[in-house]
Amino acid sequence: MSQLNAKLLVVDDETPIRMSLSSIFTELGYGVRTAHDGFSALAEIRREIPDLILSDLKMPGMSGFELLSIVRCRFPAIQVIAMSGAFSGDGVPPGVAADAFYEKASHPGVLFRMVEAMIRTEMSPSDRTSALAPIWIPRNGHDHAGRPYVMVTCTECLRTFAQVLSKDFGVMQGTECVYCSSPIHYAMVHPERPALPLTFQRKPASGGPTPLSVPSLSY
């Protein structure tokens, strides 16, 4: 694949970063589109599948963690570079379904060379099958016994079952489907919810509407 024919999708919720990367890579000869979060990125992929995605990890709505897991499962031919300032080094962070990682605080020339090298060296979808992309799911609360649990949907048989979490659970989890025994890798996420209409917002004693408080997960 030549650089002039390569199509990039830059995904970042910070407008200055999106615009600067788009401008630079366009000048370098790439075809560039941008998206501000995971949902808008999926919309762009539906319009035209890119050759390479550069995605931030911490974004509202749908995070880069979730987006890249979906991309790895549904579009395994797309090469992916994850970007974040929350991790250091050049190794792909645990739970991130990406081919490479760029630390935002490092020199941008590193990213440009990384993109060029990946465009020149195409990977087949079979090269990525050994690393299972986790599904990202929210916590569902506690069961009747007071134990934290989540509802997991198997990616193979598509059946949903409740999975009780251990006391020392971390972000990344692994289990088997209770129906088909397929291995499942999943991770915990607290997505931001869209604003509720006033008729659905909780009202305090004074009668004025108060938005629901939603905790978010900091990556």
Protein backbone atom coordinates (compact mmCIF):
# COMPACT_ATOMS: atom_id res chain seq x y z
CA MET A 1 0.00 0.00 0.00
CA SER A 2 1.44 3.38 -0.95
CA GLN A 3 1.36 6.31 1.42
CA LEU A 4 -0.66 8.33 -1.10
CA ASN A 5 -3.42 5.71 -1.09
CA ALA A 6 -3.48 5.17 2.70
CA LYS A 7 -6.61 6.28 4.54
CA LEU A 8 -6.33 7.33 8.19
CA LEU A 9 -9.01 7.90 10.80
CA VAL A 10 -7.95 10.11 13.73
CA VAL A 11 -10.17 9.71 16.81
CA ASP A 12 -9.75 12.16 19.70
CA ASP A 13 -12.16 14.23 21.79
CA GLU A 14 -9.75 17.19 21.87
CA THR A 15 -10.34 19.37 18.81
CA PRO A 16 -6.79 20.87 18.66
CA ILE A 17 -5.25 17.38 18.58
CA ARG A 18 -7.64 16.17 15.88
CA MET A 19 -7.05 19.21 13.73
CA SER A 20 -3.26 19.26 14.10
CA LEU A 21 -2.86 15.55 13.33
CA SER A 22 -5.26 15.83 10.40
CA SER A 23 -3.35 18.78 8.98
CA ILE A 24 0.09 17.17 9.38
CA PHE A 25 -0.86 13.77 7.96
CA THR A 26 -2.70 15.41 5.06
CA GLU A 27 0.47 17.33 4.20
CA LEU A 28 2.37 14.04 4.35
CA GLY A 29 0.12 12.61 1.66
CA TYR A 30 -2.44 10.61 3.62
CA GLY A 31 -6.19 10.76 3.24
CA VAL A 32 -7.43 11.79 6.68
CA ARG A 33 -10.82 11.82 8.38
CA THR A 34 -11.51 12.62 12.03
CA ALA A 35 -13.98 11.61 14.76
CA HIS A 36 -14.51 13.00 18.27
CA ASP A 37 -15.41 9.76 20.06
CA GLY A 38 -16.01 6.05 19.54
CA PHE A 39 -19.59 6.42 18.28
CA SER A 40 -18.68 8.97 15.62
CA ALA A 41 -15.66 6.82 14.67
CA LEU A 42 -17.94 3.84 14.01
CA ALA A 43 -20.11 6.07 11.83
CA GLU A 44 -17.02 7.07 9.82
CA ILE A 45 -16.01 3.42 9.46
CA ARG A 46 -19.46 2.60 8.09
CA ARG A 47 -19.02 5.30 5.46
CA GLU A 48 -15.58 4.06 4.42
CA ILE A 49 -13.22 1.59 6.06
CA PRO A 50 -9.84 3.21 6.82
CA ASP A 51 -6.49 1.47 6.53
CA LEU A 52 -5.30 2.71 9.92
CA ILE A 53 -6.93 4.20 13.01
CA LEU A 54 -5.19 6.50 15.48
CA SER A 55 -7.35 6.61 18.60
CA ASP A 56 -7.17 8.27 21.97
CA LEU A 57 -8.15 6.01 24.87
CA LYS A 58 -9.88 8.43 27.25
CA MET A 59 -12.97 9.85 25.55
CA PRO A 60 -16.55 10.52 26.68
CA GLY A 61 -19.46 8.48 25.37
CA MET A 62 -17.54 5.51 23.99
CA SER A 63 -13.92 5.33 25.06
CA GLY A 64 -11.02 4.25 22.90
CA PHE A 65 -10.82 1.02 24.91
CA GLU A 66 -14.33 0.08 23.78
CA LEU A 67 -13.91 1.36 20.23
CA LEU A 68 -10.73 -0.60 19.57
CA SER A 69 -12.25 -3.80 20.95
CA ILE A 70 -15.14 -3.42 18.50
CA VAL A 71 -12.78 -2.66 15.64
CA ARG A 72 -10.64 -5.70 16.40
CA CYS A 73 -13.70 -7.98 16.44
CA ARG A 74 -15.61 -6.50 13.49
CA PHE A 75 -12.85 -5.05 11.31
CA PRO A 76 -9.69 -7.10 12.01
CA ALA A 77 -8.01 -5.90 8.81
CA ILE A 78 -7.78 -2.31 10.11
CA GLN A 79 -4.44 -1.48 11.70
CA VAL A 80 -4.66 0.46 14.96
CA ILE A 81 -2.45 2.81 16.97
CA ALA A 82 -3.71 3.66 20.46
CA MET A 83 -2.78 7.07 21.90
CA SER A 84 -2.83 8.26 25.51
CA GLY A 85 -1.00 10.43 27.98
CA ALA A 86 -2.03 8.18 30.87
CA PHE A 87 0.42 5.39 29.97
CA SER A 88 4.18 5.55 29.46
CA GLY A 89 6.50 3.67 27.16
CA ASP A 90 5.84 2.18 23.76
CA GLY A 91 4.19 -1.09 24.81
CA VAL A 92 0.48 -1.56 24.18
CA PRO A 93 -1.33 -1.20 27.57
CA PRO A 94 -3.18 -4.27 28.92
CA GLY A 95 -6.71 -4.63 27.61
CA VAL A 96 -6.10 -2.38 24.58
CA ALA A 97 -6.79 -4.08 21.24
CA ALA A 98 -4.16 -2.19 19.23
CA ASP A 99 -1.13 -3.00 17.10
CA ALA A 100 1.00 -0.19 18.54
CA PHE A 101 0.92 2.52 21.19
CA TYR A 102 1.96 6.18 21.11
CA GLU A 103 2.54 8.12 24.32
CA LYS A 104 1.09 11.57 23.75
CA ALA A 105 3.80 13.32 25.73
CA SER A 106 6.54 11.95 23.46
CA HIS A 107 7.87 13.51 20.26
CA PRO A 108 5.32 13.57 17.39
CA GLY A 109 8.00 12.34 15.01
CA VAL A 110 7.71 8.97 16.76
CA LEU A 111 4.07 8.78 15.74
CA PHE A 112 4.76 9.79 12.13
CA ARG A 113 7.43 7.09 11.75
CA MET A 114 5.14 4.55 13.42
CA VAL A 115 2.34 5.26 10.95
CA GLU A 116 4.69 5.10 7.97
CA ALA A 117 6.13 1.75 9.10
CA MET A 118 2.68 0.23 9.66
CA ILE A 119 1.40 1.43 6.28
CA ARG A 120 4.39 -0.17 4.56
CA THR A 121 3.96 -3.44 6.44
CA GLU A 122 0.42 -4.67 6.03
CA MET A 123 -0.88 -7.25 8.51
CA SER A 124 -3.46 -9.87 7.71
CA PRO A 125 -6.45 -10.38 10.05
CA SER A 126 -5.05 -13.79 11.00
CA ASP A 127 -2.00 -12.07 12.55
CA ARG A 128 -4.27 -10.65 15.26
CA THR A 129 -6.42 -13.63 16.20
CA SER A 130 -4.12 -14.77 19.01
CA ALA A 131 -4.98 -11.72 21.14
CA LEU A 132 -8.63 -11.73 22.16
CA ALA A 133 -10.13 -8.28 22.28
CA PRO A 134 -12.04 -7.73 25.51
CA ILE A 135 -15.65 -6.65 25.54
CA TRP A 136 -16.25 -3.54 27.67
CA ILE A 137 -19.30 -3.72 29.91
CA PRO A 138 -20.71 -1.66 32.81
CA ARG A 139 -21.20 -2.97 36.32
CA ASN A 140 -24.80 -3.91 37.05
CA GLY A 141 -24.79 -3.46 40.84
CA HIS A 142 -25.26 -6.20 43.44
CA ASP A 143 -27.31 -9.38 43.51
CA HIS A 144 -29.68 -10.49 46.31
CA ALA A 145 -26.67 -11.71 48.33
CA GLY A 146 -24.91 -8.34 48.06
CA ARG A 147 -22.28 -9.54 45.60
CA PRO A 148 -21.21 -7.27 42.71
CA TYR A 149 -22.04 -8.69 39.30
CA VAL A 150 -22.14 -7.90 35.59
CA MET A 151 -24.22 -9.19 32.69
CA VAL A 152 -21.97 -10.77 30.07
CA THR A 153 -23.03 -11.51 26.49
CA CYS A 154 -21.06 -14.29 24.83
CA THR A 155 -19.62 -13.21 21.47
CA GLU A 156 -19.94 -16.77 20.14
CA CYS A 157 -23.44 -18.00 21.07
CA LEU A 158 -24.81 -14.49 21.85
CA ARG A 159 -26.45 -15.65 25.09
CA THR A 160 -26.34 -13.43 28.17
CA PHE A 161 -25.60 -14.57 31.70
CA ALA A 162 -24.82 -13.02 35.10
CA GLN A 163 -21.20 -13.13 36.25
CA VAL A 164 -20.44 -12.53 39.94
CA LEU A 165 -17.24 -10.57 40.53
CA SER A 166 -14.62 -11.59 43.07
CA LYS A 167 -13.73 -9.27 45.94
CA ASP A 168 -10.38 -8.36 44.37
CA PHE A 169 -11.65 -7.85 40.82
CA GLY A 170 -9.67 -5.50 38.61
CA VAL A 171 -10.45 -3.81 35.33
CA MET A 172 -9.64 -6.87 33.22
CA GLN A 173 -11.56 -10.12 33.74
CA GLY A 174 -11.75 -13.54 32.14
CA THR A 175 -14.43 -16.21 32.26
CA GLU A 176 -16.12 -18.93 30.19
CA CYS A 177 -19.61 -18.82 28.74
CA VAL A 178 -21.95 -20.86 30.93
CA TYR A 179 -23.72 -22.10 27.79
CA CYS A 180 -21.03 -22.87 25.17
CA SER A 181 -17.85 -22.68 27.33
CA SER A 182 -16.21 -20.17 24.96
CA PRO A 183 -13.48 -18.07 26.62
CA ILE A 184 -14.54 -14.46 27.22
CA HIS A 185 -12.30 -11.52 28.06
CA TYR A 186 -14.16 -8.56 29.43
CA ALA A 187 -13.33 -5.30 31.16
CA MET A 188 -15.14 -2.89 33.43
CA VAL A 189 -16.20 0.52 32.20
CA HIS A 190 -18.43 3.30 33.55
CA PRO A 191 -19.63 5.10 30.41
CA GLU A 192 -21.04 8.59 30.63
CA ARG A 193 -24.78 8.57 30.13
CA PRO A 194 -26.56 11.01 27.81
CA ALA A 195 -28.46 13.77 29.54
CA LEU A 196 -31.94 12.73 30.64
CA PRO A 197 -35.02 14.77 29.76
CA LEU A 198 -36.25 16.88 32.67
CA THR A 199 -39.28 14.63 33.09
CA PHE A 200 -36.94 11.73 33.90
CA GLN A 201 -34.55 13.61 36.20
CA ARG A 202 -34.67 13.06 39.94
CA LYS A 203 -36.26 15.97 41.82
CA PRO A 204 -35.10 17.11 45.26
CA ALA A 205 -37.50 18.01 48.08
CA SER A 206 -37.64 21.63 46.88
CA GLY A 207 -39.17 20.49 43.62
CA GLY A 208 -36.39 21.68 41.29
CA PRO A 209 -34.88 19.18 38.82
CA THR A 210 -31.46 17.80 39.68
CA PRO A 211 -29.44 15.80 37.11
CA LEU A 212 -28.52 12.29 38.12
CA SER A 213 -24.94 11.91 39.34
CA VAL A 214 -23.02 9.45 37.15
CA PRO A 215 -19.51 8.33 38.16
CA SER A 216 -16.93 8.06 35.41
CA LEU A 217 -13.86 5.87 35.11
CA SER A 218 -10.59 7.74 34.73
CA TYR A 219 -8.07 6.08 32.43
